[in-house]
Structures are given as structure tokens and as C-alpha cells.
Amino acid sequence: MQAPRQRNEPSERQRQPRVRGGTFSALRYRNYRLLWFGTIFMSAGTWIQQVTLGWLAYEMTGSPVQVSIVLGLRALPMLGAPIAGVIADKFDRRIVLLLDQSYLAFLAIGFALILQVGLLELWHLHAFSFLTGAGWALNNPLRQTLVGNSVPRERLMNAIALNSMAFNSMRMIGPGVAGGMIALLGPEVNFLLQAVMYGAVVLLVIPFRAEFAEGREGRKQQSPFADLREGLAYVVREPVPRYAIVLSLIPTLTLMAFIQTQMPVFVAEDLGDSEGALLGFMYVGMGVGGFVGAVLVARFHTVQHKGVLSLVGVAGAAVAVLALSQVDVWWQAWGILVVQQLFFIMVMTTNNTILQSVTPDYMRGRVMGIYMLDVGMQPLGGVIAGLLAEDYGVSTAWLMGGAVGLVMVVLVTAAAPQFRRLRL
């Protein structure tokens, strides 16, 4: 028979050793480790899929426009991310994530079978890309919210940065693996490999427990549409979440969308590489910058002036795009891309941390869903960049994007003293 615990005896959580700061401090928490390794598998599968879908689209049609359509259809469902946020707040997040990961795995298996039996048509590519994007639209807010439920608040920025590190490490490795597999075994094997990766995520999510969830006592029993309105009203009403989301949209619309969509044109026209040999190398540079940025943020996650950090990050990313618009030498462009991505990851990690720190847990899914709208807005930024590049050239388009981004940072800095003074 166990002796009763004395009144002043510490609880199990209190008996755990005090976690010291450090680059990998969030990995000391078991449930976060499960999510982190899941992010590695999920990201690997995603990058393998992206490269293979683009290759298939071009192989079937020979049309760069079709490549853009196929890949753009993956981002389109992210416009529904706020609805996914409502689901994340209304139901058990772990169960929903399990169902979503299983759906993505079976979807990949089905597409691999279509390839294997030789029935692939262009509409299959369009449908698969869109349906995968729908799964991602639900997955992203869920995964981000569960990160906030797996570590204490003082380790939140470190945890988010380590997630970015995992994602960007696969960004450096995944495309090369995908290309090699296409050449050696054929594209259908890549989708089977993707299904295996997603299956591994399912196995990691099963034992996950939301140890640091704060409860949902403040949640109202109301319709999904009322939930959505409540989330939108919260973001509009509260200045800190509002400006954190605005500062995430700025680099997505005016910086990242401009660079990602026009990089092939820049490599061909400004760097003079019509064969595209440098294109993959430029994307690797972006992955390196994202990885280094995530490592630095993870290392210095105890910095309290989160508002200033976000503003500096957007300004730095905008200046980097301005610099990129002025170069036509590959190694200079590569170095600037590394710096630009470093600042971009700093912005996104910081704003993610701010949102999850100031938002009550019962509202967190909806706020993260609204935050994820920036991914769905990327195609719009890409269209604007393409129109500007067609009329004025890529360098001028990037100059305009960087200038708009910098001006908007100055305006937010002046208009949001509460955000500027924020300390967490």
C-alpha cells in the first residue's frame, strides 16, 4: 500500500529537473520530441512530393505554366486555414492530427498506384495536389498548436525554432533524394516513400500527450461560424496578435513570393544560366539560410524583446531583397539568399512565438489558422511578382517588393508602440 503524498511534496511535473537554456533545450520534453521527429518525417515527404509533382507536370506537358498550376494548387486550400483552426479548437487535436496524417498517407499510396499502372492524366496531378493541400491546411494549424501544448511557455520560442530547423534541414536534403529516386526507380516510388514518411508520423503521434495544454474553460459552446467570428474578432481587437500577423504577411507577400516564383527567371536572365544548373543551388542556399536562422533563434530564444526582434527581422529580409535586385553574380546572389532566409525564419519564428504566448489555449487553434493564411496568400504575391517581372524585369520587381516591405515595416513600427515594446 502506497503512503499518501504529503501536502508539501512536489508533484511529478515539479520533481522534473529544472531545464537549463540551450540550443536544443525543448528536446528535453518527451512529447515535443515526438512532434519534432514527426516534423522531420513530414517535411522530408513534403519536399520529395513537391519536386516529384513539378517534374511530372513538366514531363507530361512541357509547360512551365502547368508546373506553377500544379504546385500552386497545393497552396490554395491554405486559404481555408482559419476553418482548420476552428476544428483544432473544437475537437481533440491529437485525434484530428492522426486522422489527417492517415488521410495524407493513403492519398499518396493511391497516387503511386495510379502511376504504377500507367493511368496518370493531368487532372490527376491537379486533383492530387489540391487534395494534399487540403490535408496540409488542416495539418499546419494543428501541428503548430500542439507545439505550444508540448513545452512550457519559456521554451516555446526554442521549440518553434527547432521545428524550423527540422523543416529546413529536409529542404536541403529532400529535393536531392527526390531527384535521385526519380532517376533510379521512377517517380511512383517517391510517393510510396512519402506514404511511409507520413505513416511514421502517425506512429509518433499515437503516444503524444498535450502535457502543457492550459484547458479550454473559456471556450463557448457555439456554432463553427460563431467560433470563426470569435477568432477573427480577437485578432482584430487585440493589437499584439494583429500586428504579429501583419508582420508575417508582409515578407510572405512582398518578399518570399517574389523570390520563389521568379528565381528560375532570375537564374536564366540575370545570372545567364539558361540550362538551370544554378537553380537548385540557389534553393539550397535558401535552405541553408533557413537552417542557420533557426539554429540562431533556438540558441538565443531567451531574448525578451520579441516585438523589436520581429521588426528587425522583416526590415533585414526587405533590405536583403533590395540587395538581391542589384546583383548579377551567382555567389553574391547565393550569399544574399542565405541572409534573406535567415531573417525570414527569424520573423516567422518570433511571430509564431508571440501569437502562441499571448493567445489563450482555447483560442490558439483559430489564431494559428488565421496566421497560416500567409501560405495561402503566396500565390497572389507570385502573380503580382510575375506581372511586374514581365513588364519591368525580375530585378525591378524585386526592388519594388523590397521597397514596399521596408516601407510597411516603418509604418507598423510607428503605428504599433505596444508591439514595439513587447517583452516575453
Protein backbone atom coordinates (compact mmCIF):
# COMPACT_ATOMS: atom_id res chain seq x y z
CA MET A 1 0.00 0.00 0.00
CA GLN A 2 1.43 3.34 -1.06
CA ALA A 3 1.90 6.04 1.52
CA PRO A 4 -0.17 9.16 0.86
CA ARG A 5 1.73 12.06 -0.62
CA GLN A 6 2.46 14.80 1.91
CA ARG A 7 0.80 18.14 1.32
CA ASN A 8 4.05 19.95 0.53
CA GLU A 9 5.53 17.11 -1.52
CA PRO A 10 6.22 18.27 -5.10
CA SER A 11 4.10 16.94 -7.95
CA GLU A 12 5.55 14.76 -10.71
CA ARG A 13 6.00 17.75 -13.01
CA GLN A 14 7.64 19.77 -10.21
CA ARG A 15 10.04 16.90 -9.46
CA GLN A 16 11.40 17.01 -13.01
CA PRO A 17 14.87 18.57 -13.20
CA ARG A 18 14.98 22.25 -13.96
CA VAL A 19 15.65 22.68 -17.67
CA ARG A 20 18.61 24.86 -18.45
CA GLY A 21 18.74 27.08 -21.51
CA GLY A 22 20.46 25.90 -24.66
CA THR A 23 20.04 25.42 -28.38
CA PHE A 24 18.20 22.11 -28.00
CA SER A 25 16.53 22.63 -24.62
CA ALA A 26 12.99 21.95 -25.91
CA LEU A 27 14.05 18.44 -26.94
CA ARG A 28 14.27 17.50 -23.25
CA TYR A 29 10.47 17.23 -23.27
CA ARG A 30 9.27 13.82 -24.43
CA ASN A 31 6.08 14.98 -26.15
CA TYR A 32 7.91 17.70 -28.03
CA ARG A 33 10.48 15.14 -29.22
CA LEU A 34 7.65 13.09 -30.71
CA LEU A 35 6.39 16.15 -32.61
CA TRP A 36 9.90 17.17 -33.67
CA PHE A 37 10.80 13.81 -35.19
CA GLY A 38 7.37 13.84 -36.81
CA THR A 39 8.23 17.20 -38.37
CA ILE A 40 11.39 15.69 -39.87
CA PHE A 41 9.46 12.83 -41.49
CA MET A 42 6.62 15.12 -42.57
CA SER A 43 8.99 17.68 -44.12
CA ALA A 44 11.01 15.01 -45.93
CA GLY A 45 7.84 13.63 -47.50
CA THR A 46 6.64 17.10 -48.44
CA TRP A 47 9.84 18.16 -50.23
CA ILE A 48 10.03 14.82 -52.04
CA GLN A 49 6.44 15.32 -53.17
CA GLN A 50 6.97 18.90 -54.33
CA VAL A 51 9.96 18.06 -56.52
CA THR A 52 8.28 14.96 -57.98
CA LEU A 53 4.99 16.74 -58.74
CA GLY A 54 6.85 19.54 -60.53
CA TRP A 55 8.88 17.01 -62.51
CA LEU A 56 5.77 15.05 -63.51
CA ALA A 57 3.91 18.21 -64.58
CA TYR A 58 6.77 19.33 -66.81
CA GLU A 59 7.41 15.81 -68.14
CA MET A 60 3.75 15.44 -69.16
CA THR A 61 3.15 18.91 -70.61
CA GLY A 62 6.47 20.68 -71.19
CA SER A 63 4.72 23.77 -69.82
CA PRO A 64 6.17 25.95 -67.03
CA VAL A 65 2.65 27.33 -66.54
CA GLN A 66 1.34 23.84 -65.72
CA VAL A 67 4.16 23.38 -63.21
CA SER A 68 3.03 26.60 -61.49
CA ILE A 69 -0.62 25.49 -61.56
CA VAL A 70 0.10 22.05 -60.12
CA LEU A 71 2.28 23.41 -57.31
CA GLY A 72 0.00 26.41 -56.74
CA LEU A 73 -2.99 24.13 -56.17
CA ARG A 74 -1.23 22.79 -53.07
CA ALA A 75 -1.18 26.26 -51.52
CA LEU A 76 -4.74 27.24 -52.47
CA PRO A 77 -6.51 25.26 -49.67
CA MET A 78 -4.44 27.17 -47.11
CA LEU A 79 -6.97 29.97 -47.56
CA GLY A 80 -9.23 27.70 -45.51
CA ALA A 81 -6.72 27.52 -42.64
CA PRO A 82 -8.98 29.60 -40.32
CA ILE A 83 -11.63 26.86 -40.61
CA ALA A 84 -8.95 24.31 -39.74
CA GLY A 85 -8.20 26.45 -36.70
CA VAL A 86 -11.83 26.15 -35.59
CA ILE A 87 -11.52 22.35 -35.84
CA ALA A 88 -8.29 22.47 -33.80
CA ASP A 89 -10.10 24.31 -31.00
CA LYS A 90 -13.32 22.27 -31.15
CA PHE A 91 -12.00 18.69 -31.17
CA ASP A 92 -9.18 16.63 -29.69
CA ARG A 93 -6.13 17.95 -31.54
CA ARG A 94 -4.18 14.71 -31.30
CA ILE A 95 -7.00 12.62 -32.79
CA VAL A 96 -7.58 15.09 -35.63
CA LEU A 97 -3.85 15.09 -36.44
CA LEU A 98 -3.84 11.27 -36.50
CA LEU A 99 -6.76 11.22 -38.94
CA ASP A 100 -5.19 13.91 -41.11
CA GLN A 101 -1.82 12.15 -41.33
CA SER A 102 -3.53 8.86 -42.18
CA TYR A 103 -5.53 10.60 -44.92
CA LEU A 104 -2.33 12.04 -46.45
CA ALA A 105 -0.59 8.66 -46.33
CA PHE A 106 -3.44 6.82 -48.09
CA LEU A 107 -3.70 9.64 -50.64
CA ALA A 108 -0.01 9.18 -51.53
CA ILE A 109 -0.45 5.40 -51.83
CA GLY A 110 -3.41 5.85 -54.17
CA PHE A 111 -1.49 8.26 -56.39
CA ALA A 112 1.51 5.90 -56.51
CA LEU A 113 -0.81 3.11 -57.72
CA ILE A 114 -2.18 5.36 -60.49
CA LEU A 115 1.39 5.98 -61.62
CA GLN A 116 2.33 2.33 -61.37
CA VAL A 117 -0.50 1.09 -63.61
CA GLY A 118 0.08 3.87 -66.15
CA LEU A 119 -3.27 5.66 -65.83
CA LEU A 120 -1.91 9.11 -64.95
CA GLU A 121 -3.55 12.11 -66.62
CA LEU A 122 -3.05 15.81 -65.99
CA TRP A 123 -6.24 16.13 -63.98
CA HIS A 124 -4.91 13.50 -61.58
CA LEU A 125 -1.97 15.82 -60.85
CA HIS A 126 -4.33 18.74 -60.27
CA ALA A 127 -6.64 16.75 -58.00
CA PHE A 128 -3.85 15.13 -56.00
CA SER A 129 -2.11 18.46 -55.47
CA PHE A 130 -5.30 20.16 -54.28
CA LEU A 131 -6.35 17.27 -52.01
CA THR A 132 -2.87 17.14 -50.49
CA GLY A 133 -3.04 20.89 -49.91
CA ALA A 134 -6.36 20.42 -48.11
CA GLY A 135 -4.68 17.95 -45.75
CA TRP A 136 -1.88 20.42 -45.17
CA ALA A 137 -4.34 23.23 -44.48
CA LEU A 138 -5.62 21.22 -41.52
CA ASN A 139 -2.21 19.86 -40.53
CA ASN A 140 -0.32 23.13 -40.14
CA PRO A 141 -2.50 24.89 -37.53
CA LEU A 142 -2.86 21.61 -35.62
CA ARG A 143 0.87 20.93 -35.54
CA GLN A 144 1.75 24.50 -34.54
CA THR A 145 -0.85 24.48 -31.78
CA LEU A 146 0.38 21.15 -30.42
CA VAL A 147 3.92 22.56 -30.21
CA GLY A 148 2.51 25.10 -27.77
CA ASN A 149 0.93 22.23 -25.79
CA SER A 150 4.16 20.21 -25.57
CA VAL A 151 6.57 22.63 -23.84
CA PRO A 152 6.30 25.27 -21.10
CA ARG A 153 5.93 28.85 -22.26
CA GLU A 154 9.56 29.78 -21.56
CA ARG A 155 10.69 27.09 -24.02
CA LEU A 156 8.16 27.95 -26.74
CA MET A 157 10.45 30.02 -28.98
CA ASN A 158 13.16 27.38 -28.76
CA ALA A 159 10.64 24.68 -29.73
CA ILE A 160 9.32 26.66 -32.71
CA ALA A 161 12.87 27.41 -33.89
CA LEU A 162 13.83 23.73 -33.67
CA ASN A 163 10.77 22.91 -35.76
CA SER A 164 12.01 25.36 -38.41
CA MET A 165 15.44 23.76 -38.18
CA ALA A 166 13.94 20.33 -38.87
CA PHE A 167 11.92 21.67 -41.81
CA ASN A 168 14.86 23.46 -43.42
CA SER A 169 17.24 20.54 -42.95
CA MET A 170 14.84 18.47 -45.05
CA ARG A 171 14.63 21.36 -47.51
CA MET A 172 18.35 20.84 -48.13
CA ILE A 173 18.15 17.03 -48.33
CA GLY A 174 14.69 16.18 -49.69
CA PRO A 175 14.97 17.62 -53.25
CA GLY A 176 18.23 15.76 -53.88
CA VAL A 177 16.73 12.49 -52.65
CA ALA A 178 13.67 13.03 -54.85
CA GLY A 179 15.76 13.66 -57.96
CA GLY A 180 17.92 10.61 -57.34
CA MET A 181 14.90 8.37 -56.76
CA ILE A 182 13.22 9.58 -59.97
CA ALA A 183 16.35 8.73 -61.95
CA LEU A 184 16.93 5.34 -60.30
CA LEU A 185 13.50 3.89 -59.54
CA GLY A 186 10.86 6.13 -61.09
CA PRO A 187 8.51 8.78 -59.66
CA GLU A 188 5.94 6.34 -58.23
CA VAL A 189 8.49 5.15 -55.65
CA ASN A 190 8.73 8.70 -54.30
CA PHE A 191 5.03 8.72 -53.44
CA LEU A 192 5.32 5.35 -51.72
CA LEU A 193 8.27 6.76 -49.76
CA GLN A 194 6.14 9.78 -48.87
CA ALA A 195 3.40 7.47 -47.57
CA VAL A 196 5.97 5.66 -45.41
CA MET A 197 7.13 9.01 -44.01
CA TYR A 198 3.56 10.01 -43.15
CA GLY A 199 2.94 6.58 -41.61
CA ALA A 200 5.94 7.16 -39.34
CA VAL A 201 4.35 10.43 -38.22
CA VAL A 202 1.17 8.55 -37.29
CA LEU A 203 3.19 6.18 -35.09
CA LEU A 204 4.85 9.15 -33.37
CA VAL A 205 1.56 10.98 -32.74
CA ILE A 206 -0.16 7.96 -31.11
CA PRO A 207 1.76 8.22 -27.77
CA PHE A 208 1.71 12.05 -27.77
CA ARG A 209 0.06 13.82 -24.83
CA ALA A 210 -0.64 17.56 -24.60
CA GLU A 211 1.21 17.94 -21.30
CA PHE A 212 1.15 21.74 -21.20
CA ALA A 213 -2.35 22.37 -22.54
CA GLU A 214 -3.99 25.06 -20.40
CA GLY A 215 -7.53 23.75 -20.69
CA ARG A 216 -10.42 25.20 -22.65
CA GLU A 217 -12.56 26.53 -19.83
CA GLY A 218 -13.03 29.86 -21.59
CA ARG A 219 -14.39 28.25 -24.73
CA LYS A 220 -18.04 28.94 -25.56
CA GLN A 221 -20.42 26.25 -26.81
CA GLN A 222 -21.42 27.74 -30.14
CA SER A 223 -21.58 27.04 -33.88
CA PRO A 224 -18.41 26.73 -36.01
CA PHE A 225 -19.23 30.02 -37.75
CA ALA A 226 -19.56 31.75 -34.38
CA ASP A 227 -16.21 30.21 -33.41
CA LEU A 228 -14.65 31.61 -36.57
CA ARG A 229 -16.12 35.07 -35.96
CA GLU A 230 -14.84 34.98 -32.40
CA GLY A 231 -11.31 34.16 -33.59
CA LEU A 232 -11.34 36.92 -36.21
CA ALA A 233 -12.72 39.42 -33.68
CA TYR A 234 -9.96 38.50 -31.22
CA VAL A 235 -7.23 39.14 -33.80
CA VAL A 236 -8.77 42.45 -34.90
CA ARG A 237 -9.35 43.61 -31.31
CA GLU A 238 -6.01 42.68 -29.77
CA PRO A 239 -3.08 44.78 -31.10
CA VAL A 240 -0.27 42.30 -30.42
CA PRO A 241 -1.76 39.35 -32.36
CA ARG A 242 -2.97 41.73 -35.07
CA TYR A 243 0.46 43.20 -35.76
CA ALA A 244 2.22 39.84 -35.44
CA ILE A 245 0.03 38.51 -38.27
CA VAL A 246 0.54 41.67 -40.36
CA LEU A 247 4.30 41.37 -39.92
CA SER A 248 4.09 37.77 -41.16
CA LEU A 249 2.06 38.71 -44.24
CA ILE A 250 4.49 41.45 -45.30
CA PRO A 251 7.51 39.21 -46.01
CA THR A 252 5.30 36.46 -47.44
CA LEU A 253 3.54 38.68 -49.98
CA THR A 254 6.26 41.16 -50.92
CA LEU A 255 9.46 39.18 -50.36
CA MET A 256 9.20 35.36 -50.31
CA ALA A 257 6.53 35.05 -53.02
CA PHE A 258 8.56 37.37 -55.26
CA ILE A 259 11.77 35.38 -54.80
CA GLN A 260 10.36 31.86 -55.03
CA THR A 261 8.27 32.39 -58.16
CA GLN A 262 10.84 34.42 -60.09
CA MET A 263 14.02 32.57 -59.13
CA PRO A 264 14.06 30.46 -62.36
CA VAL A 265 13.74 33.63 -64.45
CA PHE A 266 16.46 35.39 -62.42
CA VAL A 267 18.86 32.46 -62.87
CA ALA A 268 18.25 32.35 -66.62
CA GLU A 269 18.17 36.07 -67.42
CA ASP A 270 20.31 37.79 -64.79
CA LEU A 271 22.82 35.03 -63.98
CA GLY A 272 22.94 33.80 -67.59
CA ASP A 273 22.31 30.13 -66.79
CA SER A 274 19.69 29.04 -69.30
CA GLU A 275 20.36 25.36 -68.53
CA GLY A 276 19.22 25.81 -64.93
CA ALA A 277 22.29 24.25 -63.30
CA LEU A 278 22.41 27.07 -60.73
CA LEU A 279 18.71 26.94 -59.88
CA GLY A 280 18.92 24.02 -57.47
CA PHE A 281 22.00 25.57 -55.88
CA MET A 282 20.07 28.78 -55.20
CA TYR A 283 17.29 26.84 -53.49
CA VAL A 284 19.88 25.03 -51.40
CA GLY A 285 21.16 28.47 -50.33
CA MET A 286 17.67 29.35 -49.14
CA GLY A 287 17.56 26.12 -47.17
CA VAL A 288 20.97 26.85 -45.62
CA GLY A 289 19.83 30.33 -44.59
CA GLY A 290 16.64 28.97 -43.05
CA PHE A 291 18.56 26.29 -41.17
CA VAL A 292 21.17 28.74 -39.83
CA GLY A 293 18.44 31.22 -38.88
CA ALA A 294 16.56 28.53 -36.98
CA VAL A 295 19.73 27.47 -35.14
CA LEU A 296 20.46 31.06 -34.11
CA VAL A 297 16.90 31.68 -32.92
CA ALA A 298 16.96 28.40 -30.99
CA ARG A 299 20.26 29.38 -29.37
CA PHE A 300 19.14 32.89 -28.36
CA HIS A 301 15.50 32.10 -27.61
CA THR A 302 15.68 33.85 -24.23
CA VAL A 303 15.80 37.31 -25.85
CA GLN A 304 12.81 39.13 -24.34
CA HIS A 305 12.28 41.97 -26.81
CA LYS A 306 10.22 39.86 -29.21
CA GLY A 307 8.47 42.83 -30.86
CA VAL A 308 11.74 44.53 -31.78
CA LEU A 309 13.14 41.19 -32.97
CA SER A 310 10.21 40.74 -35.37
CA LEU A 311 10.50 44.28 -36.76
CA VAL A 312 14.26 43.95 -37.25
CA GLY A 313 13.75 40.60 -38.99
CA VAL A 314 11.27 41.99 -41.54
CA ALA A 315 13.49 45.02 -42.19
CA GLY A 316 16.55 42.79 -42.65
CA ALA A 317 14.70 40.49 -45.07
CA ALA A 318 13.48 43.51 -47.08
CA VAL A 319 16.98 45.02 -47.31
CA ALA A 320 18.31 41.63 -48.46
CA VAL A 321 15.76 41.55 -51.31
CA LEU A 322 16.76 45.10 -52.27
CA ALA A 323 20.40 43.95 -52.37
CA LEU A 324 19.48 40.87 -54.42
CA SER A 325 17.85 43.08 -57.04
CA GLN A 326 21.22 44.74 -57.68
CA VAL A 327 23.48 41.71 -58.29
CA ASP A 328 24.15 39.51 -61.31
CA VAL A 329 26.94 37.29 -59.93
CA TRP A 330 25.92 33.84 -58.70
CA TRP A 331 27.98 33.74 -55.48
CA GLN A 332 26.77 37.18 -54.43
CA ALA A 333 23.16 36.16 -55.06
CA TRP A 334 23.67 32.91 -53.15
CA GLY A 335 25.11 34.72 -50.12
CA ILE A 336 22.28 37.26 -50.09
CA LEU A 337 19.70 34.47 -50.28
CA VAL A 338 21.26 32.85 -47.21
CA VAL A 339 20.97 36.14 -45.29
CA GLN A 340 17.44 36.82 -46.54
CA GLN A 341 16.20 33.42 -45.41
CA LEU A 342 17.95 33.82 -42.05
CA PHE A 343 15.95 36.99 -41.40
CA PHE A 344 12.74 35.43 -42.76
CA ILE A 345 12.94 32.47 -40.39
CA MET A 346 13.68 34.85 -37.52
CA VAL A 347 10.47 36.77 -38.33
CA MET A 348 8.23 33.74 -38.68
CA THR A 349 9.59 32.01 -35.57
CA THR A 350 9.30 35.15 -33.46
CA ASN A 351 5.75 35.95 -34.60
CA ASN A 352 4.67 32.34 -34.07
CA THR A 353 6.06 32.54 -30.53
CA ILE A 354 4.31 35.85 -29.84
CA LEU A 355 0.94 34.54 -31.04
CA GLN A 356 1.11 31.33 -29.03
CA SER A 357 2.34 33.15 -25.92
CA VAL A 358 -0.37 35.81 -25.76
CA THR A 359 -3.31 33.73 -27.02
CA PRO A 360 -5.37 31.61 -24.57
CA ASP A 361 -5.27 27.91 -25.39
CA TYR A 362 -8.99 27.66 -26.17
CA MET A 363 -8.46 30.28 -28.93
CA ARG A 364 -5.00 29.16 -30.09
CA GLY A 365 -6.09 26.94 -32.98
CA ARG A 366 -8.19 29.68 -34.57
CA VAL A 367 -5.46 32.29 -34.22
CA MET A 368 -2.86 29.94 -35.72
CA GLY A 369 -5.28 29.18 -38.55
CA ILE A 370 -5.55 32.89 -39.35
CA TYR A 371 -1.77 33.16 -39.08
CA MET A 372 -1.39 30.34 -41.64
CA LEU A 373 -3.28 32.43 -44.22
CA ASP A 374 0.11 33.80 -45.25
CA VAL A 375 0.85 30.50 -47.01
CA GLY A 376 -2.43 30.69 -48.91
CA MET A 377 -1.62 34.26 -49.94
CA GLN A 378 1.69 33.29 -51.57
CA PRO A 379 0.11 32.55 -54.98
CA LEU A 380 -1.30 36.11 -55.01
CA GLY A 381 2.15 37.53 -54.29
CA GLY A 382 3.56 35.28 -57.01
CA VAL A 383 1.07 36.58 -59.59
CA ILE A 384 1.91 40.19 -58.70
CA ALA A 385 5.63 39.40 -58.96
CA GLY A 386 5.12 37.71 -62.34
CA LEU A 387 3.19 40.67 -63.76
CA LEU A 388 5.83 43.14 -62.57
CA ALA A 389 8.68 40.95 -63.85
CA GLU A 390 7.02 40.60 -67.26
CA ASP A 391 6.71 44.37 -67.68
CA TYR A 392 9.85 45.62 -65.92
CA GLY A 393 12.17 42.64 -65.38
CA VAL A 394 12.89 40.49 -62.34
CA SER A 395 15.39 42.86 -60.73
CA THR A 396 12.94 45.77 -60.83
CA ALA A 397 10.15 43.56 -59.48
CA TRP A 398 12.37 42.54 -56.55
CA LEU A 399 13.36 46.17 -56.00
CA MET A 400 9.68 47.11 -55.77
CA GLY A 401 8.87 44.21 -53.45
CA GLY A 402 11.76 45.00 -51.11
CA ALA A 403 10.88 48.70 -51.04
CA VAL A 404 7.21 48.03 -50.25
CA GLY A 405 8.23 45.61 -47.48
CA LEU A 406 10.59 48.16 -45.94
CA VAL A 407 8.03 50.99 -46.07
CA MET A 408 5.39 48.78 -44.41
CA VAL A 409 7.80 47.90 -41.59
CA VAL A 410 8.38 51.59 -40.93
CA LEU A 411 4.61 52.20 -40.85
CA VAL A 412 3.97 49.32 -38.44
CA THR A 413 6.83 50.47 -36.21
CA ALA A 414 5.28 53.93 -35.98
CA ALA A 415 1.69 52.71 -35.58
CA ALA A 416 2.25 49.92 -33.04
CA PRO A 417 4.14 51.14 -29.95
CA GLN A 418 2.60 48.34 -27.84
CA PHE A 419 4.01 45.72 -30.21
CA ARG A 420 7.36 47.51 -30.39
CA ARG A 421 7.68 47.48 -26.60
CA LEU A 422 6.53 43.85 -26.23
CA ARG A 423 8.63 41.69 -23.92
CA LEU A 424 8.07 37.97 -23.44
